[in-house]
């Protein structure tokens, strides 16, 4: 599927909004840790999609960060450096959005790590756009 926007800056702006939301929710009096993790994942996803859009790389409209990162690797092999970070965030795309008796709620440390992973991906992508 073709991206919903062909403007990389539109993707990056949405990614920044997700990062801002994650940071605000993490620092709230009663942090919403599952939502923090979700927005961290969304930030990383949109940065990767922004990179792909900037380089006119077609991608399926999915939430799989490992898949998106592999597409980036095909264009620029250095992206292999962040595939593990992207994989850490991948489950937050859907896992925390719905009730699941088999999953524990993320801890504060896990949510903080998710935000840091999103920031690493952000820095990595911005250096290459």
N, C-alpha and C. Protein backbone atom coordinates (compact mmCIF):
# COMPACT_ATOMS: atom_id res chain seq x y z
N UNK A 1 0.84 -1.18 0.00
CA UNK A 1 0.00 0.00 0.00
C UNK A 1 0.89 1.24 0.00
N UNK A 2 0.47 2.23 -0.67
CA UNK A 2 1.19 3.49 -0.71
C UNK A 2 0.93 4.26 0.58
N UNK A 3 1.93 5.01 1.01
CA UNK A 3 1.79 5.80 2.23
C UNK A 3 0.61 6.76 2.11
N UNK A 4 0.03 7.09 3.23
CA UNK A 4 -1.12 8.00 3.25
C UNK A 4 -0.70 9.43 2.94
N UNK A 5 0.56 9.76 3.18
CA UNK A 5 1.09 11.07 2.82
C UNK A 5 2.42 10.86 2.12
N UNK A 6 2.66 11.63 1.11
CA UNK A 6 3.93 11.53 0.40
C UNK A 6 4.92 12.59 0.88
N UNK A 7 4.57 13.27 1.96
CA UNK A 7 5.44 14.32 2.50
C UNK A 7 6.18 13.79 3.74
N UNK A 8 7.49 13.60 3.62
CA UNK A 8 8.24 13.09 4.78
C UNK A 8 8.06 13.96 6.02
N UNK A 9 8.01 15.28 5.81
CA UNK A 9 7.88 16.16 6.97
C UNK A 9 6.55 15.96 7.70
N UNK A 10 5.52 15.53 6.99
CA UNK A 10 4.24 15.24 7.65
C UNK A 10 4.38 14.03 8.57
N UNK A 11 5.09 13.01 8.10
CA UNK A 11 5.34 11.83 8.92
C UNK A 11 6.18 12.19 10.15
N UNK A 12 7.20 13.02 9.95
CA UNK A 12 8.08 13.39 11.06
C UNK A 12 7.35 14.26 12.08
N UNK A 13 6.46 15.11 11.62
CA UNK A 13 5.67 15.94 12.55
C UNK A 13 4.77 15.06 13.41
N UNK A 14 4.14 14.08 12.80
CA UNK A 14 3.28 13.15 13.57
C UNK A 14 4.13 12.34 14.55
N UNK A 15 5.33 11.95 14.12
CA UNK A 15 6.23 11.20 15.00
C UNK A 15 6.60 12.03 16.21
N UNK A 16 6.90 13.31 15.98
CA UNK A 16 7.24 14.21 17.09
C UNK A 16 6.06 14.37 18.05
N UNK A 17 4.85 14.43 17.52
CA UNK A 17 3.67 14.54 18.38
C UNK A 17 3.53 13.29 19.25
N UNK A 18 3.80 12.13 18.66
CA UNK A 18 3.74 10.89 19.45
C UNK A 18 4.80 10.89 20.55
N UNK A 19 5.99 11.36 20.23
CA UNK A 19 7.05 11.41 21.23
C UNK A 19 6.68 12.38 22.35
N UNK A 20 6.14 13.52 21.99
CA UNK A 20 5.72 14.50 22.99
C UNK A 20 4.63 13.91 23.89
N UNK A 21 3.67 13.21 23.28
CA UNK A 21 2.61 12.58 24.07
C UNK A 21 3.19 11.55 25.03
N UNK A 22 4.12 10.73 24.55
CA UNK A 22 4.74 9.71 25.39
C UNK A 22 5.45 10.35 26.59
N UNK A 23 6.20 11.42 26.32
CA UNK A 23 6.93 12.07 27.41
C UNK A 23 5.99 12.74 28.42
N UNK A 24 4.94 13.37 27.92
CA UNK A 24 3.98 14.00 28.83
C UNK A 24 3.30 12.95 29.72
N UNK A 25 2.89 11.85 29.12
CA UNK A 25 2.21 10.80 29.87
C UNK A 25 3.14 10.09 30.84
N UNK A 26 4.41 9.98 30.47
CA UNK A 26 5.38 9.35 31.36
C UNK A 26 5.63 10.22 32.59
N UNK A 27 5.60 11.53 32.41
CA UNK A 27 5.89 12.46 33.50
C UNK A 27 4.65 12.94 34.24
N UNK A 28 3.50 12.40 33.93
CA UNK A 28 2.26 12.77 34.60
C UNK A 28 2.27 12.27 36.04
N UNK A 29 1.41 12.86 36.87
CA UNK A 29 1.31 12.44 38.27
C UNK A 29 0.99 10.95 38.37
N UNK A 30 0.10 10.48 37.53
CA UNK A 30 -0.23 9.06 37.44
C UNK A 30 0.08 8.60 36.00
N UNK A 31 1.34 8.22 35.74
CA UNK A 31 1.74 7.90 34.37
C UNK A 31 0.88 6.78 33.75
N UNK A 32 0.52 6.99 32.50
CA UNK A 32 -0.24 5.99 31.75
C UNK A 32 0.77 5.17 30.95
N UNK A 33 1.36 4.17 31.61
CA UNK A 33 2.52 3.49 31.07
C UNK A 33 2.25 2.71 29.79
N UNK A 34 1.10 2.09 29.69
CA UNK A 34 0.80 1.36 28.46
C UNK A 34 0.66 2.32 27.28
N UNK A 35 0.07 3.47 27.51
CA UNK A 35 -0.11 4.46 26.45
C UNK A 35 1.23 5.12 26.11
N UNK A 36 2.10 5.28 27.09
CA UNK A 36 3.46 5.77 26.83
C UNK A 36 4.15 4.84 25.84
N UNK A 37 4.08 3.54 26.12
CA UNK A 37 4.73 2.55 25.25
C UNK A 37 4.13 2.57 23.85
N UNK A 38 2.83 2.70 23.78
CA UNK A 38 2.16 2.77 22.47
C UNK A 38 2.66 3.98 21.67
N UNK A 39 2.70 5.14 22.30
CA UNK A 39 3.15 6.34 21.58
C UNK A 39 4.63 6.27 21.23
N UNK A 40 5.44 5.63 22.05
CA UNK A 40 6.85 5.44 21.71
C UNK A 40 6.97 4.58 20.46
N UNK A 41 6.18 3.52 20.38
CA UNK A 41 6.18 2.66 19.19
C UNK A 41 5.72 3.45 17.98
N UNK A 42 4.67 4.23 18.14
CA UNK A 42 4.14 5.01 17.03
C UNK A 42 5.15 6.04 16.54
N UNK A 43 5.88 6.65 17.46
CA UNK A 43 6.93 7.60 17.09
C UNK A 43 7.97 6.92 16.21
N UNK A 44 8.46 5.78 16.65
CA UNK A 44 9.47 5.05 15.87
C UNK A 44 8.92 4.64 14.51
N UNK A 45 7.71 4.14 14.50
CA UNK A 45 7.08 3.70 13.24
C UNK A 45 6.99 4.85 12.25
N UNK A 46 6.56 6.00 12.71
CA UNK A 46 6.38 7.15 11.81
C UNK A 46 7.72 7.71 11.35
N UNK A 47 8.73 7.65 12.19
CA UNK A 47 10.06 8.08 11.73
C UNK A 47 10.56 7.14 10.64
N UNK A 48 10.40 5.85 10.82
CA UNK A 48 10.84 4.90 9.79
C UNK A 48 10.05 5.10 8.50
N UNK A 49 8.76 5.28 8.62
CA UNK A 49 7.93 5.52 7.43
C UNK A 49 8.30 6.84 6.77
N UNK A 50 8.62 7.85 7.56
CA UNK A 50 9.06 9.12 7.00
C UNK A 50 10.32 8.96 6.17
N UNK A 51 11.25 8.16 6.69
CA UNK A 51 12.48 7.88 5.94
C UNK A 51 12.14 7.19 4.62
N UNK A 52 11.29 6.18 4.69
CA UNK A 52 10.92 5.44 3.48
C UNK A 52 10.22 6.34 2.47
N UNK A 53 9.33 7.19 2.94
CA UNK A 53 8.64 8.12 2.06
C UNK A 53 9.64 9.08 1.42
N UNK A 54 10.59 9.58 2.22
CA UNK A 54 11.59 10.51 1.70
C UNK A 54 12.41 9.89 0.57
N UNK A 55 12.58 8.58 0.64
CA UNK A 55 13.39 7.88 -0.36
C UNK A 55 12.54 7.12 -1.38
N UNK A 56 11.25 7.41 -1.35
CA UNK A 56 10.30 6.82 -2.30
C UNK A 56 10.32 5.29 -2.32
N UNK A 57 10.43 4.73 -1.13
CA UNK A 57 10.40 3.27 -0.97
C UNK A 57 8.97 2.88 -0.61
N UNK A 58 8.38 2.02 -1.42
CA UNK A 58 7.03 1.53 -1.15
C UNK A 58 7.05 0.58 0.06
N UNK A 59 6.00 0.62 0.86
CA UNK A 59 5.90 -0.28 2.00
C UNK A 59 4.45 -0.63 2.25
N UNK A 60 4.27 -1.81 2.87
CA UNK A 60 2.93 -2.20 3.30
C UNK A 60 2.56 -1.35 4.50
N UNK A 61 1.29 -1.00 4.59
CA UNK A 61 0.84 -0.17 5.70
C UNK A 61 0.60 -1.07 6.91
N UNK A 62 1.69 -1.34 7.65
CA UNK A 62 1.66 -2.22 8.81
C UNK A 62 2.35 -1.52 9.98
N UNK A 63 2.26 -2.14 11.14
CA UNK A 63 2.89 -1.60 12.34
C UNK A 63 4.16 -2.37 12.72
N UNK A 64 4.67 -3.19 11.83
CA UNK A 64 5.82 -4.05 12.11
C UNK A 64 7.13 -3.28 11.92
N UNK A 65 7.72 -2.87 13.02
CA UNK A 65 8.94 -2.08 12.95
C UNK A 65 10.11 -2.87 12.37
N UNK A 66 10.16 -4.16 12.64
CA UNK A 66 11.25 -4.97 12.07
C UNK A 66 11.16 -4.98 10.54
N UNK A 67 9.96 -5.13 10.01
CA UNK A 67 9.75 -5.09 8.56
C UNK A 67 10.16 -3.73 7.98
N UNK A 68 9.70 -2.66 8.60
CA UNK A 68 10.03 -1.32 8.12
C UNK A 68 11.53 -1.07 8.18
N UNK A 69 12.17 -1.52 9.25
CA UNK A 69 13.61 -1.34 9.38
C UNK A 69 14.35 -2.13 8.31
N UNK A 70 13.88 -3.34 8.02
CA UNK A 70 14.53 -4.14 6.96
C UNK A 70 14.43 -3.42 5.61
N UNK A 71 13.31 -2.77 5.35
CA UNK A 71 13.20 -1.98 4.11
C UNK A 71 14.21 -0.85 4.09
N UNK A 72 14.41 -0.23 5.24
CA UNK A 72 15.41 0.84 5.35
C UNK A 72 16.82 0.27 5.14
N UNK A 73 17.07 -0.93 5.65
CA UNK A 73 18.37 -1.58 5.48
C UNK A 73 18.67 -1.81 4.00
N UNK A 74 17.65 -2.17 3.24
CA UNK A 74 17.84 -2.38 1.80
C UNK A 74 18.32 -1.11 1.12
N UNK A 75 17.87 0.02 1.62
CA UNK A 75 18.27 1.32 1.05
C UNK A 75 19.58 1.80 1.63
N UNK A 76 19.76 1.55 2.94
CA UNK A 76 20.95 2.02 3.65
C UNK A 76 21.32 0.98 4.72
N UNK A 77 22.32 0.16 4.47
CA UNK A 77 22.67 -0.96 5.36
C UNK A 77 22.89 -0.60 6.82
N UNK A 78 23.25 0.66 7.11
CA UNK A 78 23.50 1.07 8.49
C UNK A 78 22.26 0.93 9.38
N UNK A 79 21.09 0.86 8.77
CA UNK A 79 19.87 0.69 9.55
C UNK A 79 19.86 -0.63 10.31
N UNK A 80 20.71 -1.56 9.93
CA UNK A 80 20.78 -2.82 10.68
C UNK A 80 21.19 -2.57 12.13
N UNK A 81 21.83 -1.43 12.39
CA UNK A 81 22.24 -1.07 13.75
C UNK A 81 21.05 -0.85 14.69
N UNK A 82 19.89 -0.53 14.15
CA UNK A 82 18.74 -0.23 15.03
C UNK A 82 17.65 -1.29 14.97
N UNK A 83 17.89 -2.39 14.28
CA UNK A 83 16.82 -3.39 14.16
C UNK A 83 16.43 -3.98 15.51
N UNK A 84 17.40 -4.15 16.41
CA UNK A 84 17.07 -4.69 17.74
C UNK A 84 16.24 -3.70 18.55
N UNK A 85 16.57 -2.42 18.44
CA UNK A 85 15.81 -1.39 19.14
C UNK A 85 14.38 -1.35 18.61
N UNK A 86 14.26 -1.39 17.29
CA UNK A 86 12.93 -1.38 16.67
C UNK A 86 12.12 -2.60 17.11
N UNK A 87 12.77 -3.75 17.17
CA UNK A 87 12.08 -4.98 17.57
C UNK A 87 11.56 -4.90 19.00
N UNK A 88 12.31 -4.21 19.87
CA UNK A 88 11.87 -4.05 21.26
C UNK A 88 10.54 -3.31 21.35
N UNK A 89 10.32 -2.37 20.45
CA UNK A 89 9.10 -1.56 20.48
C UNK A 89 7.94 -2.20 19.75
N UNK A 90 8.21 -3.15 18.89
CA UNK A 90 7.20 -3.67 17.97
C UNK A 90 5.91 -4.13 18.65
N UNK A 91 6.03 -4.85 19.76
CA UNK A 91 4.83 -5.39 20.41
C UNK A 91 3.93 -4.32 21.01
N UNK A 92 4.45 -3.13 21.20
CA UNK A 92 3.63 -2.06 21.76
C UNK A 92 2.64 -1.48 20.76
N UNK A 93 2.74 -1.88 19.50
CA UNK A 93 1.80 -1.38 18.49
C UNK A 93 0.38 -1.84 18.79
N UNK A 94 0.24 -3.07 19.21
CA UNK A 94 -1.10 -3.59 19.49
C UNK A 94 -1.20 -4.22 20.88
N UNK A 95 -0.12 -4.75 21.39
CA UNK A 95 -0.16 -5.49 22.65
C UNK A 95 -0.70 -4.72 23.82
N UNK A 96 -0.43 -3.42 23.88
CA UNK A 96 -0.88 -2.64 25.03
C UNK A 96 -2.19 -1.91 24.77
N UNK A 97 -2.70 -2.00 23.57
CA UNK A 97 -3.92 -1.25 23.24
C UNK A 97 -5.20 -1.98 23.63
N UNK A 98 -5.10 -3.28 23.86
CA UNK A 98 -6.29 -4.06 24.16
C UNK A 98 -6.05 -4.86 25.44
N UNK A 99 -7.11 -5.13 26.19
CA UNK A 99 -6.94 -5.94 27.40
C UNK A 99 -6.42 -7.33 27.03
N UNK A 100 -5.46 -7.81 27.82
CA UNK A 100 -4.89 -9.13 27.57
C UNK A 100 -4.49 -9.72 28.91
N UNK A 101 -5.18 -10.79 29.30
CA UNK A 101 -4.91 -11.41 30.60
C UNK A 101 -3.52 -12.03 30.67
N UNK A 102 -2.90 -12.29 29.52
CA UNK A 102 -1.59 -12.93 29.51
C UNK A 102 -0.43 -11.94 29.53
N UNK A 103 -0.72 -10.65 29.42
CA UNK A 103 0.33 -9.64 29.40
C UNK A 103 0.28 -8.79 30.66
N UNK A 104 1.46 -8.54 31.21
CA UNK A 104 1.55 -7.63 32.35
C UNK A 104 1.60 -6.20 31.83
N UNK A 105 1.10 -5.28 32.62
CA UNK A 105 1.21 -3.86 32.29
C UNK A 105 2.70 -3.49 32.31
N UNK A 106 3.12 -2.60 31.43
CA UNK A 106 4.53 -2.19 31.45
C UNK A 106 4.87 -1.48 32.77
N UNK A 107 6.09 -1.66 33.21
CA UNK A 107 6.57 -0.95 34.39
C UNK A 107 7.01 0.45 33.97
N UNK A 108 7.28 1.29 34.96
CA UNK A 108 7.78 2.63 34.67
C UNK A 108 9.11 2.53 33.92
N UNK A 109 9.97 1.61 34.35
CA UNK A 109 11.28 1.45 33.70
C UNK A 109 11.12 1.00 32.25
N UNK A 110 10.18 0.09 32.00
CA UNK A 110 9.93 -0.36 30.62
C UNK A 110 9.40 0.78 29.75
N UNK A 111 8.52 1.58 30.31
CA UNK A 111 7.98 2.72 29.56
C UNK A 111 9.08 3.74 29.27
N UNK A 112 9.92 3.98 30.26
CA UNK A 112 11.04 4.90 30.08
C UNK A 112 12.00 4.37 29.00
N UNK A 113 12.24 3.08 29.01
CA UNK A 113 13.11 2.46 28.00
C UNK A 113 12.48 2.58 26.61
N UNK A 114 11.16 2.41 26.53
CA UNK A 114 10.47 2.54 25.24
C UNK A 114 10.65 3.95 24.68
N UNK A 115 10.53 4.96 25.53
CA UNK A 115 10.72 6.35 25.09
C UNK A 115 12.16 6.55 24.62
N UNK A 116 13.11 6.00 25.36
CA UNK A 116 14.51 6.14 24.97
C UNK A 116 14.80 5.44 23.64
N UNK A 117 14.18 4.28 23.42
CA UNK A 117 14.33 3.58 22.14
C UNK A 117 13.77 4.43 21.00
N UNK A 118 12.62 5.03 21.22
CA UNK A 118 12.02 5.89 20.20
C UNK A 118 12.94 7.06 19.88
N UNK A 119 13.56 7.62 20.91
CA UNK A 119 14.48 8.75 20.70
C UNK A 119 15.72 8.31 19.92
N UNK A 120 16.20 7.11 20.19
CA UNK A 120 17.36 6.60 19.44
C UNK A 120 17.03 6.45 17.96
N UNK A 121 15.85 5.89 17.68
CA UNK A 121 15.43 5.73 16.29
C UNK A 121 15.25 7.09 15.64
N UNK A 122 14.66 8.00 16.36
CA UNK A 122 14.47 9.38 15.86
C UNK A 122 15.81 9.99 15.46
N UNK A 123 16.79 9.95 16.35
CA UNK A 123 18.10 10.52 16.07
C UNK A 123 18.74 9.84 14.87
N UNK A 124 18.64 8.53 14.82
CA UNK A 124 19.23 7.76 13.72
C UNK A 124 18.62 8.17 12.39
N UNK A 125 17.29 8.25 12.34
CA UNK A 125 16.60 8.60 11.09
C UNK A 125 16.90 10.04 10.69
N UNK A 126 16.82 10.97 11.64
CA UNK A 126 17.04 12.39 11.31
C UNK A 126 18.43 12.59 10.70
N UNK A 127 19.40 11.86 11.17
CA UNK A 127 20.76 11.98 10.63
C UNK A 127 20.85 11.50 9.18
N UNK A 128 19.84 10.76 8.73
CA UNK A 128 19.90 10.16 7.39
C UNK A 128 18.87 10.72 6.42
N UNK A 129 18.05 11.62 6.87
CA UNK A 129 17.06 12.20 5.94
C UNK A 129 17.64 13.46 5.31
